[in-house]
Amino acid sequence: MNDVKVRRLRVSISAMGSNEMHWRNPWISAFWSFAYPGCGHLLQGRILRGLILIVWELVVNGFAKVNLSIMYSLQGNFELAKQVVNLRWLLLYVSLYVYAIWDSYRGTVDINKQYVLADREDAPLRSLRIKTLDMNFLDRRNPWYAATLSLLAPGLGHLYVRKVVVGVFFLAWTIVVMLYSHALPAVHETMIGHFDNAKSMVDMQWLMYLPSIYGFVIHNTFVTAVEHNKLFEKEQSKFLREHYQRPDFKMPL
């Protein structure tokens, strides 16, 4: 199959992963951009833009101390929340936040339109790609297994559904957050009953990244596995229709 002759691809398969179009809820994309700017774009398959926004958010949030301010606000320490925040960086964070939410919602609406047209055109689907370093192909994936792997270590679920670039990024990102937040030593101290030591050693500015990371990777890998299964069925259906049915056979209404 020559991809150039296909007007709208439903899926692109390469040795480094796959990217597919399917219908998405724009409000879900906007929510994940609200939870962490850039995640809503990764949900759409706009990987480069999503990774840029995630790194941008990480830098701006770190200098503005937004996570610490949120933590103190949730505890009711509003004066302390105002003291820790850096207003010069906070104003940059507002523009990033608004853009990420708006663009993820708008982009999802546009992609949904392209998906409907591509699905109606019923373009051929490439089911296998073999390269020197790796291979990729459409097959069935267990959504619950993907979610479980993401729960064990963010990034593993993405590797399971063959999104290598995103998977490697989340593995590296999680390692950095775990190291700087001292989360694992705090878990160890908690398990042996040293709760005061656990609270004193943890860095909340870094630790508060983890809920967004875990929530997103579990949701994204589960949905991706479901949609990959649908694409696998569509590719099989199209192949059977074209090769195992007489052209003059009248389909029942």
Protein backbone atom coordinates (compact mmCIF):
# COMPACT_ATOMS: atom_id res chain seq x y z
CA MET A 1 0.00 0.00 0.00
CA ASN A 2 1.34 3.41 -0.91
CA ASP A 3 0.58 5.91 1.86
CA VAL A 4 0.97 8.84 -0.57
CA LYS A 5 -2.15 7.80 -2.49
CA VAL A 6 -4.26 7.75 0.68
CA ARG A 7 -5.85 11.12 1.33
CA ARG A 8 -6.50 10.60 5.04
CA LEU A 9 -4.62 7.99 7.06
CA ARG A 10 -6.39 6.46 10.04
CA VAL A 11 -3.16 5.09 11.49
CA SER A 12 0.56 5.60 10.88
CA ILE A 13 2.84 2.73 11.87
CA SER A 14 6.60 3.07 12.19
CA ALA A 15 9.35 1.18 13.96
CA MET A 16 9.23 3.74 16.80
CA GLY A 17 5.51 3.41 17.44
CA SER A 18 2.14 4.17 15.98
CA ASN A 19 -0.19 7.14 15.84
CA GLU A 20 -3.87 6.84 15.09
CA MET A 21 -6.97 8.95 14.59
CA HIS A 22 -10.12 8.06 16.51
CA TRP A 23 -13.02 9.97 18.01
CA ARG A 24 -12.15 11.70 21.27
CA ASN A 25 -14.19 13.78 23.70
CA PRO A 26 -12.86 17.38 23.50
CA TRP A 27 -13.71 17.95 27.16
CA ILE A 28 -11.53 15.00 28.18
CA SER A 29 -8.59 16.49 26.27
CA ALA A 30 -9.23 19.86 27.89
CA PHE A 31 -9.38 18.21 31.33
CA TRP A 32 -5.98 16.57 30.93
CA SER A 33 -4.51 19.87 29.78
CA PHE A 34 -6.05 21.35 32.94
CA ALA A 35 -4.48 18.56 35.05
CA TYR A 36 -1.11 18.97 33.35
CA PRO A 37 -0.51 21.14 30.25
CA GLY A 38 0.68 18.99 27.35
CA CYS A 39 -1.09 15.79 28.37
CA GLY A 40 -4.20 16.79 26.43
CA HIS A 41 -2.07 17.04 23.28
CA LEU A 42 -0.47 13.64 23.88
CA LEU A 43 -3.99 12.27 24.15
CA GLN A 44 -4.67 13.49 20.60
CA GLY A 45 -1.46 12.01 19.21
CA ARG A 46 0.19 15.42 18.81
CA ILE A 47 3.34 14.17 20.49
CA LEU A 48 5.88 16.89 19.67
CA ARG A 49 3.63 19.73 20.78
CA GLY A 50 2.60 17.82 23.90
CA LEU A 51 6.19 17.10 24.98
CA ILE A 52 7.17 20.75 24.43
CA LEU A 53 4.29 21.94 26.62
CA ILE A 54 5.11 19.38 29.33
CA VAL A 55 8.74 20.49 29.52
CA TRP A 56 7.67 24.14 29.44
CA GLU A 57 5.22 23.52 32.28
CA LEU A 58 7.86 21.69 34.29
CA VAL A 59 10.29 24.61 34.02
CA VAL A 60 7.75 27.38 34.68
CA ASN A 61 6.01 25.48 37.49
CA GLY A 62 9.36 24.79 39.14
CA PHE A 63 10.41 28.44 39.19
CA ALA A 64 6.94 29.74 40.09
CA LYS A 65 6.46 27.13 42.87
CA VAL A 66 2.89 26.57 41.73
CA ASN A 67 2.67 23.08 43.25
CA LEU A 68 3.75 24.32 46.67
CA SER A 69 1.26 27.16 46.48
CA ILE A 70 -1.52 24.70 45.57
CA MET A 71 -0.58 22.43 48.48
CA TYR A 72 -0.65 25.24 51.03
CA SER A 73 -3.94 26.53 49.59
CA LEU A 74 -5.51 23.07 50.00
CA GLN A 75 -4.31 23.06 53.62
CA GLY A 76 -5.86 26.47 54.23
CA ASN A 77 -2.49 28.26 54.63
CA PHE A 78 -3.32 31.03 52.17
CA GLU A 79 -0.71 33.47 53.48
CA LEU A 80 2.05 30.89 53.12
CA ALA A 81 0.73 30.05 49.64
CA LYS A 82 1.13 33.68 48.62
CA GLN A 83 4.63 33.86 50.07
CA VAL A 84 6.10 30.85 48.29
CA VAL A 85 4.81 31.69 44.81
CA ASN A 86 7.00 33.66 42.40
CA LEU A 87 4.73 36.16 40.67
CA ARG A 88 7.12 36.85 37.78
CA TRP A 89 7.01 33.20 36.71
CA LEU A 90 3.37 32.75 37.70
CA LEU A 91 2.21 35.17 35.00
CA LEU A 92 4.00 33.04 32.40
CA TYR A 93 2.26 29.98 33.81
CA VAL A 94 -1.19 31.52 33.29
CA SER A 95 -0.61 32.02 29.56
CA LEU A 96 0.71 28.47 29.23
CA TYR A 97 -2.30 27.07 31.09
CA VAL A 98 -4.90 28.94 29.03
CA TYR A 99 -3.26 28.07 25.70
CA ALA A 100 -2.89 24.37 26.52
CA ILE A 101 -6.56 23.98 27.50
CA TRP A 102 -7.86 25.98 24.53
CA ASP A 103 -5.63 24.32 21.94
CA SER A 104 -6.30 20.78 23.16
CA TYR A 105 -10.07 21.34 22.99
CA ARG A 106 -9.92 23.00 19.55
CA GLY A 107 -7.48 20.43 18.19
CA THR A 108 -9.66 17.52 19.32
CA VAL A 109 -12.70 18.98 17.55
CA ASP A 110 -10.71 19.33 14.31
CA ILE A 111 -9.19 15.85 14.54
CA ASN A 112 -12.64 14.35 15.13
CA LYS A 113 -13.80 15.87 11.83
CA GLN A 114 -10.81 14.40 10.01
CA TYR A 115 -11.43 11.02 11.61
CA VAL A 116 -15.05 10.90 10.46
CA LEU A 117 -13.98 11.66 6.87
CA ALA A 118 -11.14 9.12 6.99
CA ASP A 119 -13.43 6.42 8.37
CA ARG A 120 -16.03 7.05 5.66
CA GLU A 121 -13.37 6.91 2.95
CA ASP A 122 -12.41 3.47 4.33
CA ALA A 123 -8.79 3.91 3.29
CA PRO A 124 -6.48 0.88 3.48
CA LEU A 125 -4.68 0.34 6.78
CA ARG A 126 -1.02 -0.62 6.95
CA SER A 127 -0.86 -3.54 9.37
CA LEU A 128 2.89 -4.27 9.49
CA ARG A 129 6.12 -2.30 9.44
CA ILE A 130 9.55 -3.94 9.72
CA LYS A 131 12.77 -1.97 10.11
CA THR A 132 16.30 -2.81 11.17
CA LEU A 133 15.91 -1.72 14.79
CA ASP A 134 12.37 -2.84 15.48
CA MET A 135 9.03 -3.91 14.03
CA ASN A 136 5.46 -2.79 14.61
CA PHE A 137 2.11 -4.30 13.65
CA LEU A 138 -1.59 -4.16 14.41
CA ASP A 139 -2.83 -6.79 16.81
CA ARG A 140 -5.00 -7.09 19.89
CA ARG A 141 -3.85 -5.50 23.13
CA ASN A 142 -5.37 -6.02 26.60
CA PRO A 143 -6.48 -2.59 27.93
CA TRP A 144 -6.39 -3.71 31.57
CA TYR A 145 -2.89 -5.10 31.14
CA ALA A 146 -1.78 -1.78 29.64
CA ALA A 147 -3.29 0.13 32.57
CA THR A 148 -1.67 -2.22 35.09
CA LEU A 149 1.76 -1.77 33.53
CA SER A 150 1.30 2.01 33.67
CA LEU A 151 0.40 1.70 37.35
CA LEU A 152 3.55 -0.30 38.07
CA ALA A 153 5.78 2.21 36.26
CA PRO A 154 4.60 5.07 34.02
CA GLY A 155 5.88 4.44 30.50
CA LEU A 156 5.65 0.66 30.52
CA GLY A 157 2.02 0.76 29.38
CA HIS A 158 2.96 2.98 26.45
CA LEU A 159 5.73 0.59 25.44
CA TYR A 160 3.16 -2.22 25.58
CA VAL A 161 0.84 -0.38 23.16
CA ARG A 162 3.88 0.46 21.00
CA LYS A 163 4.17 4.18 21.68
CA VAL A 164 7.91 4.11 22.16
CA VAL A 165 8.68 7.84 22.19
CA VAL A 166 6.00 8.68 24.75
CA GLY A 167 6.86 5.59 26.80
CA VAL A 168 10.56 6.46 27.05
CA PHE A 169 9.68 10.06 27.92
CA PHE A 170 7.38 9.03 30.78
CA LEU A 171 9.92 6.52 32.10
CA ALA A 172 12.60 9.23 32.20
CA TRP A 173 10.20 11.86 33.58
CA THR A 174 9.04 9.55 36.38
CA ILE A 175 12.62 8.70 37.35
CA VAL A 176 13.48 12.41 37.59
CA VAL A 177 10.37 13.16 39.69
CA MET A 178 11.01 10.18 41.98
CA LEU A 179 14.62 11.24 42.56
CA TYR A 180 13.96 14.91 43.25
CA SER A 181 10.84 14.31 45.34
CA HIS A 182 12.54 11.61 47.46
CA ALA A 183 9.32 9.61 47.10
CA LEU A 184 10.85 6.14 47.33
CA PRO A 185 12.90 6.81 50.51
CA ALA A 186 9.74 8.37 52.00
CA VAL A 187 7.78 5.21 51.13
CA HIS A 188 10.48 3.13 52.81
CA GLU A 189 10.37 5.27 55.98
CA THR A 190 6.58 5.05 56.00
CA MET A 191 6.62 1.25 55.74
CA ILE A 192 8.90 0.93 58.77
CA GLY A 193 6.78 3.38 60.77
CA HIS A 194 9.03 6.47 60.65
CA PHE A 195 6.28 8.86 59.56
CA ASP A 196 8.02 12.04 60.74
CA ASN A 197 11.15 11.18 58.76
CA ALA A 198 9.01 10.49 55.68
CA LYS A 199 7.28 13.87 55.92
CA SER A 200 10.51 15.77 56.51
CA MET A 201 12.44 14.27 53.60
CA VAL A 202 9.80 14.54 50.85
CA ASP A 203 9.80 17.51 48.44
CA MET A 204 6.17 18.40 47.76
CA GLN A 205 6.97 20.64 44.80
CA TRP A 206 8.13 17.52 42.93
CA LEU A 207 5.86 14.97 44.57
CA MET A 208 2.70 16.72 43.39
CA TYR A 209 3.59 15.88 39.79
CA LEU A 210 2.96 12.18 40.43
CA PRO A 211 -0.88 12.20 40.60
CA SER A 212 -1.11 13.80 37.15
CA ILE A 213 1.52 11.45 35.72
CA TYR A 214 -0.11 8.28 37.03
CA GLY A 215 -3.65 9.37 36.23
CA PHE A 216 -2.80 10.28 32.65
CA VAL A 217 -0.71 7.25 31.73
CA ILE A 218 -3.32 4.83 33.09
CA HIS A 219 -6.14 6.54 31.19
CA ASN A 220 -4.15 7.03 27.97
CA THR A 221 -2.81 3.49 27.69
CA PHE A 222 -6.22 1.95 28.42
CA VAL A 223 -7.93 4.04 25.72
CA THR A 224 -5.08 3.46 23.25
CA ALA A 225 -5.33 -0.31 23.66
CA VAL A 226 -9.10 -0.18 23.07
CA GLU A 227 -8.69 1.91 19.92
CA HIS A 228 -5.87 -0.29 18.60
CA ASN A 229 -8.19 -3.28 18.93
CA LYS A 230 -10.83 -1.45 16.90
CA LEU A 231 -8.29 -0.65 14.17
CA PHE A 232 -7.18 -4.28 14.11
CA GLU A 233 -10.77 -5.38 13.55
CA LYS A 234 -11.31 -2.80 10.81
CA GLU A 235 -8.15 -3.87 8.99
CA GLN A 236 -9.19 -7.51 9.14
CA SER A 237 -12.72 -6.66 8.01
CA LYS A 238 -11.48 -4.67 5.01
CA PHE A 239 -9.08 -7.42 3.99
CA LEU A 240 -11.79 -10.08 4.14
CA ARG A 241 -14.24 -7.93 2.20
CA GLU A 242 -11.73 -7.38 -0.58
CA HIS A 243 -10.33 -10.92 -0.82
CA TYR A 244 -12.97 -13.36 0.42
CA GLN A 245 -16.17 -12.15 -1.17
CA ARG A 246 -17.40 -12.42 -4.75
CA PRO A 247 -17.76 -8.98 -6.34
CA ASP A 248 -21.27 -9.83 -7.62
CA PHE A 249 -22.52 -11.05 -4.23
CA LYS A 250 -25.55 -9.04 -3.10
CA MET A 251 -25.17 -8.01 0.52
CA PRO A 252 -28.37 -8.45 2.59
CA LEU A 253 -30.03 -5.21 3.61
